[in-house]
PDB file of N, CA and C in Angstrom:
ATOM      1  N   MET A   1       0.830  -1.199   0.000  1.00  0.00           N
ATOM      2  CA  MET A   1       0.000   0.000   0.000  1.00  0.00           C
ATOM      3  C   MET A   1       0.869   1.256   0.000  1.00  0.00           C
ATOM      4  N   ASP A   2       2.002   1.169   0.675  1.00  0.00           N
ATOM      5  CA  ASP A   2       2.912   2.309   0.752  1.00  0.00           C
ATOM      6  C   ASP A   2       3.424   2.694  -0.636  1.00  0.00           C
ATOM      7  N   VAL A   3       3.785   1.699  -1.412  1.00  0.00           N
ATOM      8  CA  VAL A   3       4.318   1.960  -2.758  1.00  0.00           C
ATOM      9  C   VAL A   3       3.224   2.523  -3.662  1.00  0.00           C
ATOM     10  N   ALA A   4       2.016   1.996  -3.541  1.00  0.00           N
ATOM     11  CA  ALA A   4       0.906   2.480  -4.372  1.00  0.00           C
ATOM     12  C   ALA A   4       0.598   3.949  -4.075  1.00  0.00           C
ATOM     13  N   LEU A   5       0.611   4.320  -2.795  1.00  0.00           N
ATOM     14  CA  LEU A   5       0.357   5.724  -2.442  1.00  0.00           C
ATOM     15  C   LEU A   5       1.458   6.638  -2.960  1.00  0.00           C
ATOM     16  N   LYS A   6       2.687   6.167  -2.922  1.00  0.00           N
ATOM     17  CA  LYS A   6       3.787   6.983  -3.446  1.00  0.00           C
ATOM     18  C   LYS A   6       3.678   7.162  -4.955  1.00  0.00           C
ATOM     19  N   ILE A   7       3.253   6.120  -5.646  1.00  0.00           N
ATOM     20  CA  ILE A   7       3.078   6.222  -7.097  1.00  0.00           C
ATOM     21  C   ILE A   7       1.973   7.219  -7.433  1.00  0.00           C
ATOM     22  N   VAL A   8       0.873   7.169  -6.690  1.00  0.00           N
ATOM     23  CA  VAL A   8      -0.220   8.118  -6.913  1.00  0.00           C
ATOM     24  C   VAL A   8       0.240   9.537  -6.587  1.00  0.00           C
ATOM     25  N   LEU A   9       1.065   9.692  -5.554  1.00  0.00           N
ATOM     26  CA  LEU A   9       1.598  11.005  -5.202  1.00  0.00           C
ATOM     27  C   LEU A   9       2.458  11.572  -6.328  1.00  0.00           C
ATOM     28  N   VAL A  10       3.278  10.733  -6.936  1.00  0.00           N
ATOM     29  CA  VAL A  10       4.110  11.179  -8.064  1.00  0.00           C
ATOM     30  C   VAL A  10       3.231  11.558  -9.257  1.00  0.00           C
ATOM     31  N   ILE A  11       2.170  10.807  -9.494  1.00  0.00           N
ATOM     32  CA  ILE A  11       1.258  11.127 -10.594  1.00  0.00           C
ATOM     33  C   ILE A  11       0.586  12.484 -10.344  1.00  0.00           C
ATOM     34  N   PHE A  12       0.164  12.732  -9.095  1.00  0.00           N
ATOM     35  CA  PHE A  12      -0.417  14.031  -8.764  1.00  0.00           C
ATOM     36  C   PHE A  12       0.605  15.145  -8.972  1.00  0.00           C
ATOM     37  N   ALA A  13       1.847  14.908  -8.590  1.00  0.00           N
ATOM     38  CA  ALA A  13       2.888  15.932  -8.735  1.00  0.00           C
ATOM     39  C   ALA A  13       3.136  16.260 -10.202  1.00  0.00           C
ATOM     40  N   ILE A  14       3.244  15.236 -11.030  1.00  0.00           N
ATOM     41  CA  ILE A  14       3.471  15.464 -12.462  1.00  0.00           C
ATOM     42  C   ILE A  14       2.269  16.164 -13.091  1.00  0.00           C
ATOM     43  N   GLY A  15       1.061  15.766 -12.705  1.00  0.00           N
ATOM     44  CA  GLY A  15      -0.136  16.417 -13.215  1.00  0.00           C
ATOM     45  C   GLY A  15      -0.214  17.871 -12.804  1.00  0.00           C
ATOM     46  N   LEU A  16       0.148  18.150 -11.551  1.00  0.00           N
ATOM     47  CA  LEU A  16       0.132  19.534 -11.067  1.00  0.00           C
ATOM     48  C   LEU A  16       1.146  20.395 -11.814  1.00  0.00           C
ATOM     49  N   ILE A  17       2.315  19.863 -12.045  1.00  0.00           N
ATOM     50  CA  ILE A  17       3.337  20.596 -12.803  1.00  0.00           C
ATOM     51  C   ILE A  17       2.847  20.887 -14.218  1.00  0.00           C
ATOM     52  N   ALA A  18       2.254  19.885 -14.862  1.00  0.00           N
ATOM     53  CA  ALA A  18       1.777  20.065 -16.232  1.00  0.00           C
ATOM     54  C   ALA A  18       0.665  21.105 -16.315  1.00  0.00           C
ATOM     55  N   VAL A  19      -0.265  21.061 -15.374  1.00  0.00           N
ATOM     56  CA  VAL A  19      -1.387  22.004 -15.413  1.00  0.00           C
ATOM     57  C   VAL A  19      -0.909  23.430 -15.146  1.00  0.00           C
ATOM     58  N   VAL A  20       0.023  23.595 -14.241  1.00  0.00           N
ATOM     59  CA  VAL A  20       0.543  24.935 -13.960  1.00  0.00           C
ATOM     60  C   VAL A  20       1.287  25.487 -15.169  1.00  0.00           C
ATOM     61  N   LEU A  21       2.038  24.635 -15.844  1.00  0.00           N
ATOM     62  CA  LEU A  21       2.769  25.102 -17.026  1.00  0.00           C
ATOM     63  C   LEU A  21       1.846  25.413 -18.202  1.00  0.00           C
ATOM     64  N   LEU A  22       0.675  24.803 -18.245  1.00  0.00           N
ATOM     65  CA  LEU A  22      -0.263  25.085 -19.327  1.00  0.00           C
ATOM     66  C   LEU A  22      -0.990  26.411 -19.155  1.00  0.00           C
ATOM     67  N   GLN A  23      -1.027  26.926 -17.961  1.00  0.00           N
ATOM     68  CA  GLN A  23      -1.754  28.170 -17.706  1.00  0.00           C
ATOM     69  C   GLN A  23      -0.976  29.373 -18.214  1.00  0.00           C
ATOM     70  N   LYS A  24      -1.726  30.381 -18.576  1.00  0.00           N
ATOM     71  CA  LYS A  24      -1.111  31.640 -18.998  1.00  0.00           C
ATOM     72  C   LYS A  24      -0.752  32.442 -17.757  1.00  0.00           C
ATOM     73  N   GLY A  25       0.278  33.262 -17.881  1.00  0.00           N
ATOM     74  CA  GLY A  25       0.631  34.162 -16.797  1.00  0.00           C
ATOM     75  C   GLY A  25      -0.391  35.277 -16.678  1.00  0.00           C
ATOM     76  N   LYS A  26      -0.560  35.794 -15.485  1.00  0.00           N
ATOM     77  CA  LYS A  26      -1.539  36.864 -15.277  1.00  0.00           C
ATOM     78  C   LYS A  26      -1.067  38.190 -15.860  1.00  0.00           C
ATOM     79  N   SER A  27       0.232  38.408 -15.874  1.00  0.00           N
ATOM     80  CA  SER A  27       0.756  39.624 -16.492  1.00  0.00           C
ATOM     81  C   SER A  27       2.112  39.302 -17.093  1.00  0.00           C
ATOM     82  N   ALA A  28       2.437  40.003 -18.128  1.00  0.00           N
ATOM     83  CA  ALA A  28       3.707  39.791 -18.806  1.00  0.00           C
ATOM     84  C   ALA A  28       4.529  41.068 -18.754  1.00  0.00           C
ATOM     85  N   GLY A  29       4.683  41.620 -17.584  1.00  0.00           N
ATOM     86  CA  GLY A  29       5.451  42.844 -17.430  1.00  0.00           C
ATOM     87  C   GLY A  29       4.674  44.044 -17.925  1.00  0.00           C
ATOM     88  N   LEU A  30       5.366  44.953 -18.565  1.00  0.00           N
ATOM     89  CA  LEU A  30       4.735  46.189 -19.042  1.00  0.00           C
ATOM     90  C   LEU A  30       3.743  45.915 -20.164  1.00  0.00           C
ATOM     91  N   SER A  31       4.078  45.012 -21.072  1.00  0.00           N
ATOM     92  CA  SER A  31       3.144  44.722 -22.165  1.00  0.00           C
ATOM     93  C   SER A  31       1.880  44.061 -21.639  1.00  0.00           C
ATOM     94  N   GLY A  32       1.978  43.264 -20.588  1.00  0.00           N
ATOM     95  CA  GLY A  32       0.795  42.661 -19.986  1.00  0.00           C
ATOM     96  C   GLY A  32      -0.079  43.693 -19.321  1.00  0.00           C
ATOM     97  N   ALA A  33       0.537  44.717 -18.758  1.00  0.00           N
ATOM     98  CA  ALA A  33      -0.240  45.779 -18.117  1.00  0.00           C
ATOM     99  C   ALA A  33      -1.006  46.586 -19.157  1.00  0.00           C
ATOM    100  N   ILE A  34      -0.395  46.816 -20.302  1.00  0.00           N
ATOM    101  CA  ILE A  34      -1.046  47.608 -21.349  1.00  0.00           C
ATOM    102  C   ILE A  34      -2.165  46.799 -22.010  1.00  0.00           C
ATOM    103  N   THR A  35      -1.870  45.587 -22.447  1.00  0.00           N
ATOM    104  CA  THR A  35      -2.888  44.784 -23.130  1.00  0.00           C
ATOM    105  C   THR A  35      -3.896  44.215 -22.153  1.00  0.00           C
ATOM    106  N   GLY A  36      -3.504  44.020 -20.904  1.00  0.00           N
ATOM    107  CA  GLY A  36      -4.437  43.511 -19.908  1.00  0.00           C
ATOM    108  C   GLY A  36      -5.578  44.469 -19.664  1.00  0.00           C
ATOM    109  N   GLY A  37      -5.300  45.760 -19.719  1.00  0.00           N
ATOM    110  CA  GLY A  37      -6.354  46.752 -19.547  1.00  0.00           C
ATOM    111  C   GLY A  37      -7.340  46.716 -20.705  1.00  0.00           C
ATOM    112  N   ALA A  38      -6.837  46.524 -21.909  1.00  0.00           N
ATOM    113  CA  ALA A  38      -7.730  46.446 -23.070  1.00  0.00           C
ATOM    114  C   ALA A  38      -8.589  45.189 -23.004  1.00  0.00           C
ATOM    115  N   GLU A  39      -8.010  44.082 -22.570  1.00  0.00           N
ATOM    116  CA  GLU A  39      -8.782  42.848 -22.456  1.00  0.00           C
ATOM    117  C   GLU A  39      -9.854  42.989 -21.382  1.00  0.00           C
ATOM    118  N   HIS A  40      -9.531  43.682 -20.317  1.00  0.00           N
ATOM    119  CA  HIS A  40     -10.509  43.874 -19.241  1.00  0.00           C
ATOM    120  C   HIS A  40     -11.633  44.785 -19.705  1.00  0.00           C
ATOM    121  N   LEU A  41     -11.298  45.788 -20.500  1.00  0.00           N
ATOM    122  CA  LEU A  41     -12.303  46.737 -20.967  1.00  0.00           C
ATOM    123  C   LEU A  41     -13.236  46.098 -21.996  1.00  0.00           C
ATOM    124  N   PHE A  42     -12.659  45.407 -22.976  1.00  0.00           N
ATOM    125  CA  PHE A  42     -13.457  44.833 -24.060  1.00  0.00           C
ATOM    126  C   PHE A  42     -13.904  43.405 -23.786  1.00  0.00           C
ATOM    127  N   GLY A  43     -13.333  42.770 -22.804  1.00  0.00           N
ATOM    128  CA  GLY A  43     -13.708  41.397 -22.475  1.00  0.00           C
ATOM    129  C   GLY A  43     -12.877  40.395 -23.247  1.00  0.00           C
ATOM    130  N   LYS A  44     -12.568  39.311 -22.593  1.00  0.00           N
ATOM    131  CA  LYS A  44     -11.792  38.253 -23.238  1.00  0.00           C
ATOM    132  C   LYS A  44     -12.602  36.976 -23.089  1.00  0.00           C
ATOM    133  N   GLN A  45     -13.329  36.607 -24.099  1.00  0.00           N
ATOM    134  CA  GLN A  45     -14.248  35.481 -23.998  1.00  0.00           C
ATOM    135  C   GLN A  45     -13.710  34.208 -24.648  1.00  0.00           C
ATOM    136  N   LYS A  46     -12.692  34.304 -25.468  1.00  0.00           N
ATOM    137  CA  LYS A  46     -12.241  33.138 -26.218  1.00  0.00           C
ATOM    138  C   LYS A  46     -11.755  32.015 -25.322  1.00  0.00           C
ATOM    139  N   ALA A  47     -10.763  32.303 -24.518  1.00  0.00           N
ATOM    140  CA  ALA A  47     -10.113  31.251 -23.747  1.00  0.00           C
ATOM    141  C   ALA A  47     -10.550  31.243 -22.292  1.00  0.00           C
ATOM    142  N   ARG A  48     -11.630  31.902 -21.962  1.00  0.00           N
ATOM    143  CA  ARG A  48     -12.063  31.975 -20.567  1.00  0.00           C
ATOM    144  C   ARG A  48     -12.464  30.604 -20.039  1.00  0.00           C
ATOM    145  N   GLY A  49     -13.121  29.806 -20.852  1.00  0.00           N
ATOM    146  CA  GLY A  49     -13.533  28.475 -20.417  1.00  0.00           C
ATOM    147  C   GLY A  49     -12.349  27.587 -20.099  1.00  0.00           C
ATOM    148  N   LEU A  50     -11.335  27.620 -20.947  1.00  0.00           N
ATOM    149  CA  LEU A  50     -10.146  26.811 -20.724  1.00  0.00           C
ATOM    150  C   LEU A  50      -9.367  27.307 -19.512  1.00  0.00           C
ATOM    151  N   ASP A  51      -9.261  28.606 -19.361  1.00  0.00           N
ATOM    152  CA  ASP A  51      -8.562  29.159 -18.201  1.00  0.00           C
ATOM    153  C   ASP A  51      -9.254  28.778 -16.903  1.00  0.00           C
ATOM    154  N   LEU A  52     -10.573  28.846 -16.906  1.00  0.00           N
ATOM    155  CA  LEU A  52     -11.339  28.488 -15.717  1.00  0.00           C
ATOM    156  C   LEU A  52     -11.178  27.003 -15.397  1.00  0.00           C
ATOM    157  N   PHE A  53     -11.211  26.161 -16.420  1.00  0.00           N
ATOM    158  CA  PHE A  53     -11.023  24.724 -16.218  1.00  0.00           C
ATOM    159  C   PHE A  53      -9.641  24.420 -15.655  1.00  0.00           C
ATOM    160  N   LEU A  54      -8.608  25.039 -16.222  1.00  0.00           N
ATOM    161  CA  LEU A  54      -7.245  24.812 -15.732  1.00  0.00           C
ATOM    162  C   LEU A  54      -7.069  25.321 -14.312  1.00  0.00           C
ATOM    163  N   GLN A  55      -7.720  26.428 -13.984  1.00  0.00           N
ATOM    164  CA  GLN A  55      -7.630  26.966 -12.629  1.00  0.00           C
ATOM    165  C   GLN A  55      -8.281  26.016 -11.623  1.00  0.00           C
ATOM    166  N   ARG A  56      -9.444  25.494 -11.959  1.00  0.00           N
ATOM    167  CA  ARG A  56     -10.124  24.555 -11.062  1.00  0.00           C
ATOM    168  C   ARG A  56      -9.364  23.230 -10.954  1.00  0.00           C
ATOM    169  N   LEU A  57      -8.807  22.786 -12.067  1.00  0.00           N
ATOM    170  CA  LEU A  57      -8.019  21.554 -12.048  1.00  0.00           C
ATOM    171  C   LEU A  57      -6.764  21.726 -11.202  1.00  0.00           C
ATOM    172  N   THR A  58      -6.155  22.908 -11.245  1.00  0.00           N
ATOM    173  CA  THR A  58      -4.986  23.187 -10.416  1.00  0.00           C
ATOM    174  C   THR A  58      -5.336  23.130  -8.936  1.00  0.00           C
ATOM    175  N   VAL A  59      -6.462  23.717  -8.570  1.00  0.00           N
ATOM    176  CA  VAL A  59      -6.886  23.687  -7.163  1.00  0.00           C
ATOM    177  C   VAL A  59      -7.157  22.250  -6.716  1.00  0.00           C
ATOM    178  N   ALA A  60      -7.817  21.480  -7.561  1.00  0.00           N
ATOM    179  CA  ALA A  60      -8.130  20.090  -7.212  1.00  0.00           C
ATOM    180  C   ALA A  60      -6.861  19.254  -7.074  1.00  0.00           C
ATOM    181  N   LEU A  61      -5.940  19.396  -8.018  1.00  0.00           N
ATOM    182  CA  LEU A  61      -4.691  18.627  -7.955  1.00  0.00           C
ATOM    183  C   LEU A  61      -3.824  19.055  -6.776  1.00  0.00           C
ATOM    184  N   ALA A  62      -3.787  20.350  -6.493  1.00  0.00           N
ATOM    185  CA  ALA A  62      -2.991  20.822  -5.359  1.00  0.00           C
ATOM    186  C   ALA A  62      -3.566  20.320  -4.045  1.00  0.00           C
ATOM    187  N   SER A  63      -4.884  20.344  -3.920  1.00  0.00           N
ATOM    188  CA  SER A  63      -5.521  19.837  -2.704  1.00  0.00           C
ATOM    189  C   SER A  63      -5.279  18.345  -2.544  1.00  0.00           C
ATOM    190  N   GLY A  64      -5.447  17.607  -3.629  1.00  0.00           N
ATOM    191  CA  GLY A  64      -5.190  16.170  -3.592  1.00  0.00           C
ATOM    192  C   GLY A  64      -3.748  15.851  -3.269  1.00  0.00           C
ATOM    193  N   PHE A  65      -2.833  16.616  -3.839  1.00  0.00           N
ATOM    194  CA  PHE A  65      -1.414  16.401  -3.574  1.00  0.00           C
ATOM    195  C   PHE A  65      -1.090  16.641  -2.110  1.00  0.00           C
ATOM    196  N   PHE A  66      -1.640  17.710  -1.549  1.00  0.00           N
ATOM    197  CA  PHE A  66      -1.381  18.050  -0.155  1.00  0.00           C
ATOM    198  C   PHE A  66      -1.921  16.973   0.788  1.00  0.00           C
ATOM    199  N   ILE A  67      -3.160  16.551   0.557  1.00  0.00           N
ATOM    200  CA  ILE A  67      -3.762  15.531   1.408  1.00  0.00           C
ATOM    201  C   ILE A  67      -3.032  14.201   1.256  1.00  0.00           C
ATOM    202  N   LEU A  68      -2.695  13.850   0.027  1.00  0.00           N
ATOM    203  CA  LEU A  68      -1.986  12.595  -0.216  1.00  0.00           C
ATOM    204  C   LEU A  68      -0.590  12.606   0.390  1.00  0.00           C
ATOM    205  N   ALA A  69       0.067  13.765   0.371  1.00  0.00           N
ATOM    206  CA  ALA A  69       1.392  13.864   0.997  1.00  0.00           C
ATOM    207  C   ALA A  69       1.285  13.638   2.505  1.00  0.00           C
ATOM    208  N   LEU A  70       0.232  14.161   3.130  1.00  0.00           N
ATOM    209  CA  LEU A  70       0.029  13.918   4.555  1.00  0.00           C
ATOM    210  C   LEU A  70      -0.247  12.443   4.839  1.00  0.00           C
ATOM    211  N   VAL A  71      -1.054  11.807   3.991  1.00  0.00           N
ATOM    212  CA  VAL A  71      -1.365  10.387   4.175  1.00  0.00           C
ATOM    213  C   VAL A  71      -0.116   9.529   4.006  1.00  0.00           C
ATOM    214  N   VAL A  72       0.683   9.828   2.991  1.00  0.00           N
ATOM    215  CA  VAL A  72       1.908   9.061   2.749  1.00  0.00           C
ATOM    216  C   VAL A  72       2.877   9.245   3.924  1.00  0.00           C
ATOM    217  N   SER A  73       3.005  10.464   4.427  1.00  0.00           N
ATOM    218  CA  SER A  73       3.919  10.680   5.539  1.00  0.00           C
ATOM    219  C   SER A  73       3.435   9.971   6.807  1.00  0.00           C
ATOM    220  N   TYR A  74       2.129   9.858   6.974  1.00  0.00           N
ATOM    221  CA  TYR A  74       1.584   9.132   8.124  1.00  0.00           C
ATOM    222  C   TYR A  74       1.933   7.643   8.033  1.00  0.00           C
ATOM    223  N   PHE A  75       1.746   7.057   6.840  1.00  0.00           N
ATOM    224  CA  PHE A  75       2.025   5.629   6.671  1.00  0.00           C
ATOM    225  C   PHE A  75       3.513   5.313   6.695  1.00  0.00           C
ATOM    226  N   VAL A  76       4.358   6.219   6.261  1.00  0.00           N
ATOM    227  CA  VAL A  76       5.809   5.987   6.298  1.00  0.00           C
ATOM    228  C   VAL A  76       6.315   6.014   7.732  1.00  0.00           C
ATOM    229  N   ASN A  77       5.785   6.929   8.537  1.00  0.00           N
ATOM    230  CA  ASN A  77       6.242   7.040   9.924  1.00  0.00           C
ATOM    231  C   ASN A  77       5.568   6.048  10.855  1.00  0.00           C
ATOM    232  N   LYS A  78       4.612   5.314  10.381  1.00  0.00           N
ATOM    233  CA  LYS A  78       3.879   4.359  11.218  1.00  0.00           C
ATOM    234  C   LYS A  78       4.638   3.106  11.495  1.00  0.00           C
TER     235      LYS A  78
END
């Protein structure tokens, strides 16, 4: 059971890394500040669904990773 939990923990870690890398940055320095204002004013509807999905998936994977890390550490120290 210990090995299976560690394998699942590694899968969560790799998934979390991949999802974070797929997300766009919130700002890209000065150019992000300039174009970000235009997107906020006119609305950005194209990729909003994908951004929202990736954001929710990141929260779910991070929560799962955190809880699983606690469970694995409990079983290793037992």
